[in-house]
Amino acid sequence: MSGFTVRALDPATWPDFAALVEDQNGVWGGCWCMGFHSEGVGRDRTPQQNREDKQRRVAAGDAHAALVYDGDLCVGWCQFGPTGELPRIKHRRAYEVGLSVLPDWRITCFYVHKKYRRRGVAEAALAGALDEIARLGGGTVESYPEDTDGRTPSSSFLYNATVALFEGQGFTRTRQIGKHHWVVTRVVRK
């Protein structure tokens, strides 16, 4: 993580976030990290609509992310937010089977610039997100990473990072919700 700094996504850092997304062709087909917000993404949504919705959310304070910088260059992020801000998750049917109470916060996706993968950006982003969650009041944090033990999936498909990354930050596995996906949980103090 040496050399990286982390800043919160806000109107002042929006241009840095937007530059990274635009440099990476809109990220995941023009998602603009909107897939977990209530608007979602899909056939009836264009990349431009996703961009406008994300910018509007950032301006209103309704989108959270920890942006990772190498000097002045934004090279990745970790999206997080209150459950109501990020209501859409993958594996919802399996998730709801064991659900007793919703978490205070969700960590829903990571993105790392292609040239910076496997260099500690995701680790820096997760640490930054947890610091920001603590600053915002703390609480129960949940995420849905992939267990990669014994296999090597493409890093471009690890949108929610790995179980090992989360366990390294003190998360514990709560329950399995897909062939390789787990609910992991941690309480963050204010």
C-alpha atoms as a PDB file:
ATOM      1  CA  MET A   1       0.000   0.000   0.000  1.00  0.00           C
ATOM      2  CA  SER A   2       3.067   2.216   0.155  1.00  0.00           C
ATOM      3  CA  GLY A   3       2.706   5.370  -1.870  1.00  0.00           C
ATOM      4  CA  PHE A   4      -1.087   5.261  -2.214  1.00  0.00           C
ATOM      5  CA  THR A   5      -3.395   7.801  -0.613  1.00  0.00           C
ATOM      6  CA  VAL A   6      -7.154   7.546  -0.174  1.00  0.00           C
ATOM      7  CA  ARG A   7      -9.768  10.270  -0.481  1.00  0.00           C
ATOM      8  CA  ALA A   8     -13.559  10.164  -0.239  1.00  0.00           C
ATOM      9  CA  LEU A   9     -15.669  10.507  -3.368  1.00  0.00           C
ATOM     10  CA  ASP A  10     -17.307  13.931  -3.231  1.00  0.00           C
ATOM     11  CA  PRO A  11     -17.880  16.866  -5.595  1.00  0.00           C
ATOM     12  CA  ALA A  12     -14.200  17.883  -5.296  1.00  0.00           C
ATOM     13  CA  THR A  13     -12.911  14.403  -6.236  1.00  0.00           C
ATOM     14  CA  TRP A  14     -15.623  13.713  -8.838  1.00  0.00           C
ATOM     15  CA  PRO A  15     -13.381  14.809 -11.759  1.00  0.00           C
ATOM     16  CA  ASP A  16     -10.724  12.268 -10.690  1.00  0.00           C
ATOM     17  CA  PHE A  17     -13.296   9.467 -10.420  1.00  0.00           C
ATOM     18  CA  ALA A  18     -14.852  10.446 -13.763  1.00  0.00           C
ATOM     19  CA  ALA A  19     -11.443  10.528 -15.470  1.00  0.00           C
ATOM     20  CA  LEU A  20     -10.706   6.963 -14.329  1.00  0.00           C
ATOM     21  CA  VAL A  21     -14.129   5.690 -15.412  1.00  0.00           C
ATOM     22  CA  GLU A  22     -13.857   7.395 -18.807  1.00  0.00           C
ATOM     23  CA  ASP A  23     -10.305   6.072 -19.286  1.00  0.00           C
ATOM     24  CA  GLN A  24     -11.638   2.558 -18.644  1.00  0.00           C
ATOM     25  CA  ASN A  25     -14.501   2.846 -21.185  1.00  0.00           C
ATOM     26  CA  GLY A  26     -17.205   3.454 -18.586  1.00  0.00           C
ATOM     27  CA  VAL A  27     -16.185   0.430 -16.481  1.00  0.00           C
ATOM     28  CA  TRP A  28     -18.143  -2.797 -16.992  1.00  0.00           C
ATOM     29  CA  GLY A  29     -19.971  -1.605 -20.094  1.00  0.00           C
ATOM     30  CA  GLY A  30     -20.798   1.887 -18.865  1.00  0.00           C
ATOM     31  CA  CYS A  31     -21.942   1.017 -15.345  1.00  0.00           C
ATOM     32  CA  TRP A  32     -20.365   4.061 -13.687  1.00  0.00           C
ATOM     33  CA  CYS A  33     -20.700   2.078 -10.439  1.00  0.00           C
ATOM     34  CA  MET A  34     -24.511   2.456 -10.513  1.00  0.00           C
ATOM     35  CA  GLY A  35     -25.419  -1.251 -10.526  1.00  0.00           C
ATOM     36  CA  PHE A  36     -26.032  -1.445  -6.768  1.00  0.00           C
ATOM     37  CA  HIS A  37     -27.949   1.840  -6.455  1.00  0.00           C
ATOM     38  CA  SER A  38     -31.738   1.766  -6.805  1.00  0.00           C
ATOM     39  CA  GLU A  39     -31.515   2.990 -10.418  1.00  0.00           C
ATOM     40  CA  GLY A  40     -29.430  -0.032 -11.370  1.00  0.00           C
ATOM     41  CA  VAL A  41     -28.123  -0.606 -14.887  1.00  0.00           C
ATOM     42  CA  GLY A  42     -29.525  -2.505 -17.816  1.00  0.00           C
ATOM     43  CA  ARG A  43     -30.957  -2.355 -21.289  1.00  0.00           C
ATOM     44  CA  ASP A  44     -33.064   0.731 -20.619  1.00  0.00           C
ATOM     45  CA  ARG A  45     -30.077   2.673 -19.219  1.00  0.00           C
ATOM     46  CA  THR A  46     -27.318   4.270 -21.250  1.00  0.00           C
ATOM     47  CA  PRO A  47     -23.784   4.911 -20.006  1.00  0.00           C
ATOM     48  CA  GLN A  48     -24.553   8.639 -20.196  1.00  0.00           C
ATOM     49  CA  GLN A  49     -27.608   8.208 -17.948  1.00  0.00           C
ATOM     50  CA  ASN A  50     -25.488   6.206 -15.497  1.00  0.00           C
ATOM     51  CA  ARG A  51     -22.856   8.961 -15.488  1.00  0.00           C
ATOM     52  CA  GLU A  52     -25.448  11.679 -14.898  1.00  0.00           C
ATOM     53  CA  ASP A  53     -27.150   9.710 -12.125  1.00  0.00           C
ATOM     54  CA  LYS A  54     -23.824   8.999 -10.410  1.00  0.00           C
ATOM     55  CA  GLN A  55     -22.771  12.641 -10.608  1.00  0.00           C
ATOM     56  CA  ARG A  56     -26.140  13.749  -9.228  1.00  0.00           C
ATOM     57  CA  ARG A  57     -25.806  11.265  -6.345  1.00  0.00           C
ATOM     58  CA  VAL A  58     -22.268  12.459  -5.562  1.00  0.00           C
ATOM     59  CA  ALA A  59     -23.402  16.103  -5.561  1.00  0.00           C
ATOM     60  CA  ALA A  60     -26.231  15.224  -3.165  1.00  0.00           C
ATOM     61  CA  GLY A  61     -23.988  13.152  -0.874  1.00  0.00           C
ATOM     62  CA  ASP A  62     -25.868   9.947  -1.797  1.00  0.00           C
ATOM     63  CA  ALA A  63     -22.881   8.019  -3.192  1.00  0.00           C
ATOM     64  CA  HIS A  64     -19.877   6.901  -1.186  1.00  0.00           C
ATOM     65  CA  ALA A  65     -16.534   5.511  -2.255  1.00  0.00           C
ATOM     66  CA  ALA A  66     -12.941   5.456  -1.115  1.00  0.00           C
ATOM     67  CA  LEU A  67     -10.813   6.613  -4.052  1.00  0.00           C
ATOM     68  CA  VAL A  68      -7.207   5.412  -4.218  1.00  0.00           C
ATOM     69  CA  TYR A  69      -4.565   7.727  -5.665  1.00  0.00           C
ATOM     70  CA  ASP A  70      -1.064   7.207  -6.946  1.00  0.00           C
ATOM     71  CA  GLY A  71       0.120  10.792  -6.661  1.00  0.00           C
ATOM     72  CA  ASP A  72      -2.578  12.872  -8.367  1.00  0.00           C
ATOM     73  CA  LEU A  73      -3.943   9.954 -10.404  1.00  0.00           C
ATOM     74  CA  CYS A  74      -7.069   8.108  -9.221  1.00  0.00           C
ATOM     75  CA  VAL A  75      -6.317   4.416  -9.835  1.00  0.00           C
ATOM     76  CA  GLY A  76      -9.188   2.617  -8.108  1.00  0.00           C
ATOM     77  CA  TRP A  77     -12.012   2.692  -5.631  1.00  0.00           C
ATOM     78  CA  CYS A  78     -14.176   0.796  -3.195  1.00  0.00           C
ATOM     79  CA  GLN A  79     -17.887   1.673  -3.200  1.00  0.00           C
ATOM     80  CA  PHE A  80     -19.738   1.551   0.111  1.00  0.00           C
ATOM     81  CA  GLY A  81     -22.871   3.056   1.578  1.00  0.00           C
ATOM     82  CA  PRO A  82     -25.822   2.619   3.875  1.00  0.00           C
ATOM     83  CA  THR A  83     -28.082  -0.282   2.932  1.00  0.00           C
ATOM     84  CA  GLY A  84     -30.773   2.084   1.642  1.00  0.00           C
ATOM     85  CA  GLU A  85     -28.258   3.773  -0.665  1.00  0.00           C
ATOM     86  CA  LEU A  86     -27.153   0.412  -2.116  1.00  0.00           C
ATOM     87  CA  PRO A  87     -30.264  -1.798  -2.055  1.00  0.00           C
ATOM     88  CA  ARG A  88     -29.371  -3.967  -5.060  1.00  0.00           C
ATOM     89  CA  ILE A  89     -26.984  -6.879  -4.529  1.00  0.00           C
ATOM     90  CA  LYS A  90     -26.045 -10.034  -6.411  1.00  0.00           C
ATOM     91  CA  HIS A  91     -27.317 -13.428  -5.163  1.00  0.00           C
ATOM     92  CA  ARG A  92     -30.321 -11.708  -3.526  1.00  0.00           C
ATOM     93  CA  ARG A  93     -32.483 -14.828  -3.295  1.00  0.00           C
ATOM     94  CA  ALA A  94     -29.789 -16.808  -1.446  1.00  0.00           C
ATOM     95  CA  TYR A  95     -28.932 -13.733   0.638  1.00  0.00           C
ATOM     96  CA  GLU A  96     -32.485 -13.312   1.900  1.00  0.00           C
ATOM     97  CA  VAL A  97     -32.770 -16.969   3.015  1.00  0.00           C
ATOM     98  CA  GLY A  98     -30.484 -16.447   6.014  1.00  0.00           C
ATOM     99  CA  LEU A  99     -31.242 -12.780   6.595  1.00  0.00           C
ATOM    100  CA  SER A 100     -32.232 -11.716  10.099  1.00  0.00           C
ATOM    101  CA  VAL A 101     -31.287  -8.031  10.109  1.00  0.00           C
ATOM    102  CA  LEU A 102     -29.891  -5.667   7.482  1.00  0.00           C
ATOM    103  CA  PRO A 103     -26.413  -4.230   8.052  1.00  0.00           C
ATOM    104  CA  ASP A 104     -25.805  -0.535   8.577  1.00  0.00           C
ATOM    105  CA  TRP A 105     -23.346  -0.433   5.657  1.00  0.00           C
ATOM    106  CA  ARG A 106     -22.633  -2.405   2.496  1.00  0.00           C
ATOM    107  CA  ILE A 107     -19.431  -2.629   0.510  1.00  0.00           C
ATOM    108  CA  THR A 108     -20.583  -3.518  -2.986  1.00  0.00           C
ATOM    109  CA  CYS A 109     -17.798  -3.130  -5.495  1.00  0.00           C
ATOM    110  CA  PHE A 110     -14.176  -2.380  -6.220  1.00  0.00           C
ATOM    111  CA  TYR A 111     -12.513  -1.206  -9.360  1.00  0.00           C
ATOM    112  CA  VAL A 112      -8.771  -1.056 -10.011  1.00  0.00           C
ATOM    113  CA  HIS A 113      -7.190   0.392 -13.156  1.00  0.00           C
ATOM    114  CA  LYS A 114      -5.822  -2.415 -15.330  1.00  0.00           C
ATOM    115  CA  LYS A 115      -2.227  -1.190 -14.909  1.00  0.00           C
ATOM    116  CA  TYR A 116      -2.529  -1.186 -11.104  1.00  0.00           C
ATOM    117  CA  ARG A 117      -4.010  -4.611 -10.422  1.00  0.00           C
ATOM    118  CA  ARG A 118      -2.211  -6.857  -7.908  1.00  0.00           C
ATOM    119  CA  ARG A 119      -0.391  -3.876  -6.386  1.00  0.00           C
ATOM    120  CA  GLY A 120      -2.408  -3.315  -3.196  1.00  0.00           C
ATOM    121  CA  VAL A 121      -4.975  -0.843  -4.528  1.00  0.00           C
ATOM    122  CA  ALA A 122      -7.977  -2.913  -3.394  1.00  0.00           C
ATOM    123  CA  GLU A 123      -6.445  -3.292   0.069  1.00  0.00           C
ATOM    124  CA  ALA A 124      -5.902   0.473   0.303  1.00  0.00           C
ATOM    125  CA  ALA A 125      -9.460   1.094  -0.932  1.00  0.00           C
ATOM    126  CA  LEU A 126     -10.997  -1.252   1.645  1.00  0.00           C
ATOM    127  CA  ALA A 127      -8.971   0.292   4.480  1.00  0.00           C
ATOM    128  CA  GLY A 128     -10.034   3.746   3.287  1.00  0.00           C
ATOM    129  CA  ALA A 129     -13.699   2.728   3.123  1.00  0.00           C
ATOM    130  CA  LEU A 130     -13.557   1.372   6.676  1.00  0.00           C
ATOM    131  CA  ASP A 131     -11.924   4.591   7.897  1.00  0.00           C
ATOM    132  CA  GLU A 132     -14.652   6.619   6.223  1.00  0.00           C
ATOM    133  CA  ILE A 133     -17.392   4.398   7.675  1.00  0.00           C
ATOM    134  CA  ALA A 134     -15.887   4.937  11.145  1.00  0.00           C
ATOM    135  CA  ARG A 135     -15.830   8.706  10.544  1.00  0.00           C
ATOM    136  CA  LEU A 136     -19.488   8.587   9.473  1.00  0.00           C
ATOM    137  CA  GLY A 137     -20.589   6.833  12.658  1.00  0.00           C
ATOM    138  CA  GLY A 138     -19.573   3.195  12.249  1.00  0.00           C
ATOM    139  CA  GLY A 139     -21.823   0.177  12.600  1.00  0.00           C
ATOM    140  CA  THR A 140     -22.187  -3.266  11.091  1.00  0.00           C
ATOM    141  CA  VAL A 141     -20.528  -3.546   7.681  1.00  0.00           C
ATOM    142  CA  GLU A 142     -21.306  -6.335   5.259  1.00  0.00           C
ATOM    143  CA  SER A 143     -19.902  -7.374   1.891  1.00  0.00           C
ATOM    144  CA  TYR A 144     -20.180 -10.255  -0.591  1.00  0.00           C
ATOM    145  CA  PRO A 145     -16.694 -11.218  -1.821  1.00  0.00           C
ATOM    146  CA  GLU A 146     -15.549 -14.279  -3.704  1.00  0.00           C
ATOM    147  CA  ASP A 147     -13.555 -17.149  -2.198  1.00  0.00           C
ATOM    148  CA  THR A 148     -10.662 -17.775  -4.569  1.00  0.00           C
ATOM    149  CA  ASP A 149      -8.858 -20.495  -2.577  1.00  0.00           C
ATOM    150  CA  GLY A 150      -7.666 -23.185  -4.974  1.00  0.00           C
ATOM    151  CA  ARG A 151      -8.652 -21.233  -8.095  1.00  0.00           C
ATOM    152  CA  THR A 152      -7.480 -18.179 -10.000  1.00  0.00           C
ATOM    153  CA  PRO A 153     -10.402 -16.274 -11.509  1.00  0.00           C
ATOM    154  CA  SER A 154      -9.678 -13.280 -13.701  1.00  0.00           C
ATOM    155  CA  SER A 155      -9.112 -10.188 -11.575  1.00  0.00           C
ATOM    156  CA  SER A 156     -11.382  -8.283 -13.969  1.00  0.00           C
ATOM    157  CA  PHE A 157     -14.351 -10.311 -12.638  1.00  0.00           C
ATOM    158  CA  LEU A 158     -13.630  -9.812  -8.942  1.00  0.00           C
ATOM    159  CA  TYR A 159     -15.976  -6.825  -8.656  1.00  0.00           C
ATOM    160  CA  ASN A 160     -16.363  -7.416  -4.905  1.00  0.00           C
ATOM    161  CA  ALA A 161     -12.770  -8.516  -4.241  1.00  0.00           C
ATOM    162  CA  THR A 162     -11.815 -11.681  -2.369  1.00  0.00           C
ATOM    163  CA  VAL A 163     -12.755 -13.228   0.953  1.00  0.00           C
ATOM    164  CA  ALA A 164      -9.037 -13.237   1.864  1.00  0.00           C
ATOM    165  CA  LEU A 165      -8.856  -9.445   1.430  1.00  0.00           C
ATOM    166  CA  PHE A 166     -11.792  -8.943   3.790  1.00  0.00           C
ATOM    167  CA  GLU A 167     -10.563 -11.489   6.326  1.00  0.00           C
ATOM    168  CA  GLY A 168      -7.257  -9.602   6.370  1.00  0.00           C
ATOM    169  CA  GLN A 169      -9.234  -6.530   7.506  1.00  0.00           C
ATOM    170  CA  GLY A 170     -11.021  -8.382  10.346  1.00  0.00           C
ATOM    171  CA  PHE A 171     -14.196  -9.534   8.579  1.00  0.00           C
ATOM    172  CA  THR A 172     -15.652 -12.962   9.305  1.00  0.00           C
ATOM    173  CA  ARG A 173     -17.654 -15.246   7.042  1.00  0.00           C
ATOM    174  CA  THR A 174     -21.309 -15.224   8.021  1.00  0.00           C
ATOM    175  CA  ARG A 175     -22.880 -17.452   5.374  1.00  0.00           C
ATOM    176  CA  GLN A 176     -22.397 -18.649   1.824  1.00  0.00           C
ATOM    177  CA  ILE A 177     -24.676 -17.150  -0.846  1.00  0.00           C
ATOM    178  CA  GLY A 178     -23.271 -18.554  -4.074  1.00  0.00           C
ATOM    179  CA  LYS A 179     -20.908 -21.211  -5.284  1.00  0.00           C
ATOM    180  CA  HIS A 180     -17.925 -19.017  -4.358  1.00  0.00           C
ATOM    181  CA  HIS A 181     -19.521 -15.944  -2.726  1.00  0.00           C
ATOM    182  CA  TRP A 182     -19.857 -15.290   0.994  1.00  0.00           C
ATOM    183  CA  VAL A 183     -21.483 -12.725   3.228  1.00  0.00           C
ATOM    184  CA  VAL A 184     -18.699 -11.297   5.387  1.00  0.00           C
ATOM    185  CA  THR A 185     -19.325  -9.009   8.344  1.00  0.00           C
ATOM    186  CA  ARG A 186     -17.447  -6.712  10.668  1.00  0.00           C
ATOM    187  CA  VAL A 187     -18.461  -4.099  13.229  1.00  0.00           C
ATOM    188  CA  VAL A 188     -16.667  -0.780  12.773  1.00  0.00           C
ATOM    189  CA  ARG A 189     -16.452   1.533  15.766  1.00  0.00           C
ATOM    190  CA  LYS A 190     -16.964   5.268  15.431  1.00  0.00           C
END
